[in-house]
């Protein structure tokens, strides 16, 4: 995929702004993306996402597999839930977690594939 190269030597700012303005992310979108990706910057949250990529799980199961306390796991799940990365399903007294949508799974899988090829 060929991308245009922009250099406005002698750096005419008006010409540069006009050329790339449609490509510039809004502050709002940049903030939302940064917040979402921040969830992927924590190894524990990535492990949770990896587990939920395989199956729906309750907090107790996550605690067991991750060898972490319930408050610690719940803390990470709260962050992921607030960022709409995980979805919640209640069944009686149990709360089950799964990835919110295919986009999250795609981001995780692409990141994992990239990491394996570094």
N, C-alpha and C. Protein backbone atom coordinates (compact mmCIF):
# COMPACT_ATOMS: atom_id res chain seq x y z
N UNK A 1 0.84 -1.17 0.00
CA UNK A 1 0.00 0.00 0.00
C UNK A 1 0.89 1.24 0.00
N UNK A 2 0.85 1.97 -1.08
CA UNK A 2 1.65 3.18 -1.19
C UNK A 2 0.95 4.34 -0.51
N UNK A 3 1.69 5.05 0.32
CA UNK A 3 1.16 6.21 1.01
C UNK A 3 1.86 7.44 0.46
N UNK A 4 1.14 8.55 0.37
CA UNK A 4 1.79 9.77 -0.10
C UNK A 4 2.82 10.25 0.91
N UNK A 5 3.83 10.91 0.42
CA UNK A 5 4.84 11.52 1.27
C UNK A 5 4.60 13.01 1.28
N UNK A 6 4.57 13.57 2.47
CA UNK A 6 4.35 15.00 2.60
C UNK A 6 5.59 15.66 3.17
N UNK A 7 6.11 16.58 2.43
CA UNK A 7 7.15 17.46 2.95
C UNK A 7 6.91 18.79 2.28
N UNK A 8 6.70 19.79 3.07
CA UNK A 8 6.35 21.09 2.51
C UNK A 8 7.52 22.04 2.60
N UNK A 9 8.70 21.50 2.40
CA UNK A 9 9.89 22.34 2.42
C UNK A 9 9.62 23.53 1.55
N UNK A 10 9.64 24.72 2.00
CA UNK A 10 10.15 25.25 3.28
C UNK A 10 9.12 25.24 4.40
N UNK A 11 8.38 24.18 4.53
CA UNK A 11 7.45 23.96 5.62
C UNK A 11 6.36 25.02 5.70
N UNK A 12 5.63 25.09 4.62
CA UNK A 12 4.47 25.96 4.52
C UNK A 12 3.33 25.29 5.27
N UNK A 13 3.04 25.75 6.47
CA UNK A 13 2.09 25.06 7.34
C UNK A 13 0.68 25.01 6.75
N UNK A 14 0.23 26.03 6.08
CA UNK A 14 -1.12 26.02 5.51
C UNK A 14 -1.27 24.92 4.47
N UNK A 15 -0.26 24.74 3.65
CA UNK A 15 -0.31 23.70 2.62
C UNK A 15 -0.30 22.31 3.25
N UNK A 16 0.51 22.12 4.27
CA UNK A 16 0.57 20.83 4.96
C UNK A 16 -0.77 20.53 5.62
N UNK A 17 -1.32 21.49 6.33
CA UNK A 17 -2.59 21.28 7.02
C UNK A 17 -3.68 20.92 6.03
N UNK A 18 -3.73 21.60 4.90
CA UNK A 18 -4.74 21.31 3.89
C UNK A 18 -4.56 19.90 3.33
N UNK A 19 -3.31 19.46 3.18
CA UNK A 19 -3.03 18.16 2.58
C UNK A 19 -3.41 16.99 3.50
N UNK A 20 -3.24 17.14 4.80
CA UNK A 20 -3.44 16.01 5.70
C UNK A 20 -4.63 16.16 6.65
N UNK A 21 -5.34 17.25 6.56
CA UNK A 21 -6.41 17.53 7.52
C UNK A 21 -7.44 16.39 7.60
N UNK A 22 -7.83 15.80 6.48
CA UNK A 22 -8.83 14.73 6.50
C UNK A 22 -8.31 13.46 7.17
N UNK A 23 -7.01 13.30 7.27
CA UNK A 23 -6.43 12.10 7.87
C UNK A 23 -6.19 12.25 9.37
N UNK A 24 -6.26 13.46 9.88
CA UNK A 24 -5.95 13.72 11.28
C UNK A 24 -7.08 13.24 12.18
N UNK A 25 -6.74 12.41 13.16
CA UNK A 25 -7.74 11.94 14.13
C UNK A 25 -8.22 13.11 14.97
N UNK A 26 -9.49 13.08 15.32
CA UNK A 26 -9.99 14.08 16.26
C UNK A 26 -9.41 13.77 17.64
N UNK A 27 -9.38 14.76 18.49
CA UNK A 27 -8.90 14.56 19.85
C UNK A 27 -9.76 13.52 20.56
N UNK A 28 -11.08 13.58 20.33
CA UNK A 28 -11.99 12.63 20.96
C UNK A 28 -11.68 11.19 20.55
N UNK A 29 -11.53 10.97 19.24
CA UNK A 29 -11.23 9.61 18.76
C UNK A 29 -9.86 9.14 19.24
N UNK A 30 -8.88 10.03 19.22
CA UNK A 30 -7.54 9.67 19.69
C UNK A 30 -7.59 9.28 21.17
N UNK A 31 -8.37 9.99 21.96
CA UNK A 31 -8.50 9.69 23.38
C UNK A 31 -9.17 8.34 23.59
N UNK A 32 -10.25 8.07 22.85
CA UNK A 32 -10.93 6.77 22.98
C UNK A 32 -10.02 5.61 22.60
N UNK A 33 -9.27 5.77 21.53
CA UNK A 33 -8.34 4.71 21.10
C UNK A 33 -7.26 4.51 22.15
N UNK A 34 -6.69 5.61 22.67
CA UNK A 34 -5.64 5.51 23.68
C UNK A 34 -6.16 4.81 24.94
N UNK A 35 -7.38 5.13 25.35
CA UNK A 35 -7.95 4.48 26.53
C UNK A 35 -8.15 2.99 26.29
N UNK A 36 -8.64 2.63 25.12
CA UNK A 36 -8.84 1.22 24.80
C UNK A 36 -7.51 0.48 24.78
N UNK A 37 -6.53 1.04 24.10
CA UNK A 37 -5.24 0.38 24.01
C UNK A 37 -4.51 0.33 25.35
N UNK A 38 -4.84 1.25 26.26
CA UNK A 38 -4.20 1.22 27.57
C UNK A 38 -4.55 -0.07 28.31
N UNK A 39 -5.73 -0.61 28.04
CA UNK A 39 -6.12 -1.87 28.66
C UNK A 39 -5.21 -3.00 28.20
N UNK A 40 -4.69 -2.88 27.01
CA UNK A 40 -3.81 -3.91 26.46
C UNK A 40 -2.36 -3.71 26.92
N UNK A 41 -2.10 -2.69 27.72
CA UNK A 41 -0.73 -2.44 28.16
C UNK A 41 -0.39 -3.13 29.48
N UNK A 42 -1.35 -3.83 30.05
CA UNK A 42 -1.12 -4.51 31.31
C UNK A 42 -1.08 -6.03 31.08
N UNK A 43 0.00 -6.69 31.50
CA UNK A 43 0.12 -8.13 31.26
C UNK A 43 -1.02 -8.96 31.87
N UNK A 44 -1.49 -8.59 33.04
CA UNK A 44 -2.59 -9.35 33.66
C UNK A 44 -3.85 -9.21 32.83
N UNK A 45 -4.16 -7.99 32.40
CA UNK A 45 -5.37 -7.80 31.59
C UNK A 45 -5.25 -8.54 30.27
N UNK A 46 -4.06 -8.59 29.70
CA UNK A 46 -3.86 -9.36 28.46
C UNK A 46 -4.09 -10.85 28.70
N UNK A 47 -3.67 -11.35 29.84
CA UNK A 47 -3.90 -12.76 30.16
C UNK A 47 -5.39 -13.03 30.32
N UNK A 48 -6.11 -12.09 30.95
CA UNK A 48 -7.56 -12.22 31.09
C UNK A 48 -8.20 -12.22 29.71
N UNK A 49 -7.81 -11.29 28.87
CA UNK A 49 -8.36 -11.21 27.51
C UNK A 49 -8.07 -12.50 26.76
N UNK A 50 -6.86 -13.03 26.92
CA UNK A 50 -6.50 -14.28 26.26
C UNK A 50 -7.37 -15.45 26.71
N UNK A 51 -7.65 -15.51 28.00
CA UNK A 51 -8.53 -16.57 28.50
C UNK A 51 -9.95 -16.40 27.97
N UNK A 52 -10.44 -15.16 27.98
CA UNK A 52 -11.80 -14.91 27.52
C UNK A 52 -11.92 -15.05 26.00
N UNK A 53 -10.80 -15.00 25.31
CA UNK A 53 -10.81 -15.25 23.86
C UNK A 53 -11.14 -16.70 23.58
N UNK A 54 -10.87 -17.57 24.56
CA UNK A 54 -11.11 -19.00 24.40
C UNK A 54 -12.49 -19.42 24.88
N UNK A 55 -12.96 -18.81 25.99
CA UNK A 55 -14.27 -19.19 26.50
C UNK A 55 -14.77 -18.17 27.50
N UNK A 56 -16.07 -18.22 27.74
CA UNK A 56 -16.69 -17.40 28.77
C UNK A 56 -16.25 -17.97 30.12
N UNK A 57 -15.95 -17.10 31.08
CA UNK A 57 -15.48 -17.57 32.38
C UNK A 57 -16.05 -16.69 33.49
N UNK A 58 -16.20 -17.30 34.67
CA UNK A 58 -16.62 -16.53 35.84
C UNK A 58 -15.37 -16.06 36.59
N UNK A 59 -15.57 -15.16 37.53
CA UNK A 59 -14.45 -14.61 38.30
C UNK A 59 -13.70 -15.71 39.04
N UNK A 60 -14.43 -16.64 39.63
CA UNK A 60 -13.79 -17.73 40.37
C UNK A 60 -12.86 -18.55 39.50
N UNK A 61 -13.31 -18.86 38.28
CA UNK A 61 -12.46 -19.62 37.36
C UNK A 61 -11.23 -18.82 36.97
N UNK A 62 -11.42 -17.53 36.72
CA UNK A 62 -10.28 -16.67 36.37
C UNK A 62 -9.28 -16.61 37.51
N UNK A 63 -9.78 -16.49 38.75
CA UNK A 63 -8.90 -16.47 39.92
C UNK A 63 -8.07 -17.75 40.01
N UNK A 64 -8.73 -18.87 39.78
CA UNK A 64 -8.07 -20.16 39.86
C UNK A 64 -6.97 -20.29 38.81
N UNK A 65 -7.29 -19.98 37.59
CA UNK A 65 -6.32 -20.13 36.49
C UNK A 65 -5.18 -19.12 36.60
N UNK A 66 -5.50 -17.89 36.96
CA UNK A 66 -4.48 -16.84 37.05
C UNK A 66 -3.71 -16.88 38.36
N UNK A 67 -4.22 -17.69 39.33
CA UNK A 67 -3.61 -17.77 40.67
C UNK A 67 -3.55 -16.39 41.30
N UNK A 68 -4.70 -15.71 41.26
CA UNK A 68 -4.84 -14.37 41.82
C UNK A 68 -6.05 -14.31 42.73
N UNK A 69 -6.08 -13.33 43.60
CA UNK A 69 -7.22 -13.16 44.49
C UNK A 69 -8.42 -12.59 43.73
N UNK A 70 -9.59 -12.80 44.30
CA UNK A 70 -10.82 -12.29 43.69
C UNK A 70 -10.80 -10.76 43.57
N UNK A 71 -10.36 -10.01 44.59
CA UNK A 71 -10.33 -8.56 44.43
C UNK A 71 -9.39 -8.09 43.30
N UNK A 72 -8.27 -8.78 43.15
CA UNK A 72 -7.33 -8.40 42.10
C UNK A 72 -7.92 -8.66 40.71
N UNK A 73 -8.52 -9.82 40.53
CA UNK A 73 -9.14 -10.15 39.24
C UNK A 73 -10.31 -9.21 38.97
N UNK A 74 -11.11 -8.96 39.99
CA UNK A 74 -12.26 -8.07 39.82
C UNK A 74 -11.83 -6.66 39.44
N UNK A 75 -10.72 -6.21 39.97
CA UNK A 75 -10.18 -4.89 39.62
C UNK A 75 -9.90 -4.82 38.12
N UNK A 76 -9.22 -5.83 37.59
CA UNK A 76 -8.90 -5.84 36.16
C UNK A 76 -10.17 -5.97 35.31
N UNK A 77 -11.10 -6.79 35.76
CA UNK A 77 -12.35 -6.95 35.02
C UNK A 77 -13.15 -5.65 35.00
N UNK A 78 -13.11 -4.90 36.08
CA UNK A 78 -13.82 -3.62 36.13
C UNK A 78 -13.25 -2.66 35.10
N UNK A 79 -11.93 -2.61 34.98
CA UNK A 79 -11.29 -1.75 33.98
C UNK A 79 -11.72 -2.19 32.58
N UNK A 80 -11.66 -3.49 32.33
CA UNK A 80 -12.02 -4.01 31.00
C UNK A 80 -13.51 -3.78 30.71
N UNK A 81 -14.34 -3.90 31.70
CA UNK A 81 -15.77 -3.67 31.53
C UNK A 81 -16.05 -2.20 31.24
N UNK A 82 -15.40 -1.31 31.98
CA UNK A 82 -15.61 0.13 31.77
C UNK A 82 -15.17 0.58 30.38
N UNK A 83 -14.18 -0.09 29.83
CA UNK A 83 -13.71 0.23 28.47
C UNK A 83 -14.47 -0.54 27.41
N UNK A 84 -15.48 -1.31 27.83
CA UNK A 84 -16.32 -2.10 26.92
C UNK A 84 -15.50 -3.12 26.12
N UNK A 85 -14.49 -3.69 26.80
CA UNK A 85 -13.67 -4.74 26.22
C UNK A 85 -14.24 -6.10 26.58
N UNK A 86 -14.84 -6.20 27.76
CA UNK A 86 -15.52 -7.44 28.15
C UNK A 86 -17.00 -7.17 28.36
N UNK A 87 -17.79 -8.20 28.16
CA UNK A 87 -19.23 -8.13 28.39
C UNK A 87 -19.55 -9.06 29.56
N UNK A 88 -20.66 -8.78 30.22
CA UNK A 88 -21.07 -9.50 31.41
C UNK A 88 -22.40 -10.20 31.14
N UNK A 89 -22.49 -11.43 31.66
CA UNK A 89 -23.74 -12.17 31.62
C UNK A 89 -23.98 -12.73 33.02
N UNK A 90 -25.14 -12.41 33.58
CA UNK A 90 -25.47 -12.90 34.92
C UNK A 90 -26.37 -14.12 34.80
N UNK A 91 -26.06 -15.14 35.61
CA UNK A 91 -26.87 -16.36 35.67
C UNK A 91 -27.01 -16.70 37.15
N UNK A 92 -28.12 -16.27 37.72
CA UNK A 92 -28.31 -16.47 39.16
C UNK A 92 -27.30 -15.66 39.93
N UNK A 93 -26.55 -16.33 40.80
CA UNK A 93 -25.52 -15.65 41.59
C UNK A 93 -24.19 -15.54 40.87
N UNK A 94 -24.08 -16.16 39.72
CA UNK A 94 -22.82 -16.16 38.99
C UNK A 94 -22.79 -15.05 37.94
N UNK A 95 -21.61 -14.50 37.76
CA UNK A 95 -21.39 -13.50 36.73
C UNK A 95 -20.33 -14.05 35.78
N UNK A 96 -20.67 -14.10 34.50
CA UNK A 96 -19.75 -14.64 33.49
C UNK A 96 -19.25 -13.51 32.60
N UNK A 97 -18.00 -13.64 32.22
CA UNK A 97 -17.37 -12.63 31.38
C UNK A 97 -16.96 -13.24 30.06
N UNK A 98 -17.05 -12.42 29.03
CA UNK A 98 -16.61 -12.81 27.69
C UNK A 98 -16.13 -11.54 26.98
N UNK A 99 -15.44 -11.70 25.88
CA UNK A 99 -15.02 -10.52 25.12
C UNK A 99 -16.25 -9.84 24.55
N UNK A 100 -16.22 -8.53 24.50
CA UNK A 100 -17.39 -7.75 24.11
C UNK A 100 -17.75 -7.94 22.64
N UNK A 101 -16.75 -8.07 21.78
CA UNK A 101 -17.06 -8.21 20.36
C UNK A 101 -15.85 -8.72 19.58
N UNK A 102 -16.08 -8.95 18.31
CA UNK A 102 -15.05 -9.50 17.42
C UNK A 102 -13.86 -8.56 17.28
N UNK A 103 -14.09 -7.24 17.37
CA UNK A 103 -12.99 -6.29 17.24
C UNK A 103 -11.93 -6.52 18.31
N UNK A 104 -12.37 -6.76 19.53
CA UNK A 104 -11.43 -6.99 20.63
C UNK A 104 -10.63 -8.26 20.38
N UNK A 105 -11.30 -9.30 19.94
CA UNK A 105 -10.61 -10.55 19.61
C UNK A 105 -9.61 -10.32 18.49
N UNK A 106 -9.98 -9.55 17.49
CA UNK A 106 -9.07 -9.26 16.37
C UNK A 106 -7.84 -8.49 16.85
N UNK A 107 -8.04 -7.48 17.69
CA UNK A 107 -6.90 -6.70 18.22
C UNK A 107 -5.98 -7.62 19.00
N UNK A 108 -6.56 -8.47 19.85
CA UNK A 108 -5.75 -9.39 20.65
C UNK A 108 -4.97 -10.34 19.75
N UNK A 109 -5.65 -10.98 18.80
CA UNK A 109 -5.00 -11.95 17.91
C UNK A 109 -3.92 -11.30 17.06
N UNK A 110 -4.18 -10.11 16.54
CA UNK A 110 -3.17 -9.43 15.73
C UNK A 110 -1.97 -9.03 16.57
N UNK A 111 -2.21 -8.59 17.81
CA UNK A 111 -1.11 -8.24 18.70
C UNK A 111 -0.28 -9.46 19.05
N UNK A 112 -0.96 -10.58 19.30
CA UNK A 112 -0.26 -11.82 19.62
C UNK A 112 0.58 -12.28 18.43
N UNK A 113 0.00 -12.22 17.25
CA UNK A 113 0.74 -12.60 16.04
C UNK A 113 1.95 -11.71 15.83
N UNK A 114 1.79 -10.42 16.05
CA UNK A 114 2.91 -9.48 15.92
C UNK A 114 4.00 -9.81 16.94
N UNK A 115 3.61 -10.08 18.19
CA UNK A 115 4.58 -10.38 19.24
C UNK A 115 5.37 -11.66 18.92
N UNK A 116 4.72 -12.61 18.31
CA UNK A 116 5.39 -13.88 17.98
C UNK A 116 6.40 -13.72 16.85
N UNK A 117 6.31 -12.64 16.10
CA UNK A 117 7.21 -12.43 14.96
C UNK A 117 8.24 -11.33 15.21
N UNK A 118 8.35 -10.89 16.44
CA UNK A 118 9.34 -9.84 16.74
C UNK A 118 10.69 -10.50 16.90
